[in-house]
Amino acid sequence: MNRNAIEIFNEALRAVDPYAAVGKHVDRIRAICRDAGLRKIYVVSFGKAACPMARALADALPERIVRGVVVTKYGHVSREPLPGTFEIHEAGHPVPDEQGVAGTGRVIDLLEEADRESLVVFLVSGGGSALLVAPSEGVSLDEKQQITRLLLQAGADIVELNTVRKHLSRVKAGRLAEAAWPARALSLILSDVIGDRLDSIASGPTSPDKTTWADALAVVNRYDLEGKIPPKLMQMLRDGAAGRIPDTPKQGNPVFEGVENVIIGSNRIATETARQKALALGFEAVVLTSELQGEARDVAQWLYRQVLESQSCLASGRKKICLIAGGETTVYVRGNGLGGRNTEMALAFAMAIEGTSGITFLSAGTDGTDGPTDAAGAIADGQTIVQARALGLDPQAYLDNNDSYRFFEKTGGLFKTGPTGTNVMDLQIILIE
């Protein structure tokens, strides 16, 4: 069952391979240049999948690309080097760092070079919000880091986090399109956001922003962070909400007239591919949702209830069932342990099915990393907790301390893939016999 779950997961990954996804749009790029008489192509690639996405264009259009800048997470650089026309910057994620600032500075330099005879191809993937970082005038990187950490620790989801970050940035929320104007722009986007909202993926650098200063202030208030974030940032949020600071570019702004945004990969594609693979392996397969969200341990209980409902189908004669879900949950940090949302969900789910036979659960990030760990997630079954107790471990104590990584490290359930080169949020695969 473990082998089947991993096989299904890997097939879903292949469906959102960033190199192949970008390659499908090379003809579109050629047509844009031909029809508009554009002579130069500039490439800006940022996110966890930045290198394979850039590689796809470098291989297909070597003679047309004048210059490219890549900003990706530490450890996500492809083994095969890119051509000399590209420069690569590794930077911090999920908390931005100075290398991200430096790489973004080079992106801005490139956009200043592009003109009316240029096409700028933006290649956007998960992690772009943290990796492409240029704090607003008067805001320091340290202050940006502080507010990012506070929001993550409070359990803010990716949309809430980006709502705040984009209002403290010079490149997010349409401002990258603003910087590229008057060049034409095409954004090819791997979505890592629930609902594939263009203004949320990587904080919407090339799309009109639907959020406001008031929305950003509301997020901070919702998590009671007023007295914790730097006072200067709190004042900026209040000034913006009061209309004393201009808001981000909105729909109808002329800078978006020459911009096209295209989703080329998403969790929906991954979950549907997982379903097809499960069918091929002989399972009755159902996609529960590709918009899973909420606190990881609460979502585990919801998934367990779906299992209970599905088990009645086994009584009616079906032999094997596969339930598939995708999305991105959050973790409210209560302790000081080590783990991510996928290992935490797997631990909570394992506790729910303790002693049960015939159920296997895999939860993993499609990017190969789960929070601040080297695992993509974890695999659990009905014997996981039984074996843990035999080792003298207290599963509830590990859950209470947010120490799910160390729990699975000791019980042997960690699922490690290494960086996958893509990122379309998380996948949960439940196999029932």
Foldseek 3Di string as FASTA:
>chain_A
DVVLVVVLLVLLLVLFFLLVLLLVCPVVVVVVCVVQVAQAEEEEAEELLRASNVQSCCVVPVPRYQAYEYEHAPQSHDPDDGDPRYDYFHFDPPQTDPSLQVSLVVLLVVLQVAAQSYEYEYEAAHSLLRSNFAFDPPDDSVLSRQVLVVCQQLWPDQQLSLLQSQFGGCQAQQNVLVSNPPYFYEYEYAAQAFPSDCCRRSNNRRAHHPHFLQSNLVSCVVSVCLVPRPVVSNVSSVCRVVVNDDIGGHPPPVSNPRYHYHYSHALVSSQVSSQVSCVVVPAAEDEPEAADEEQLLVVLVVVVVVVVVCVVVVVVPRDKHKYKYHHAYGHNQQAAADWASQLLNQLSNLVVLAPPPFKKKGKFWSQQDGPPDQFRHWMHHNCQVVVCVVVVHDSVVCSNRVHSVVSCVVSVTTHGDGGSSHGRGMMMMMMGD
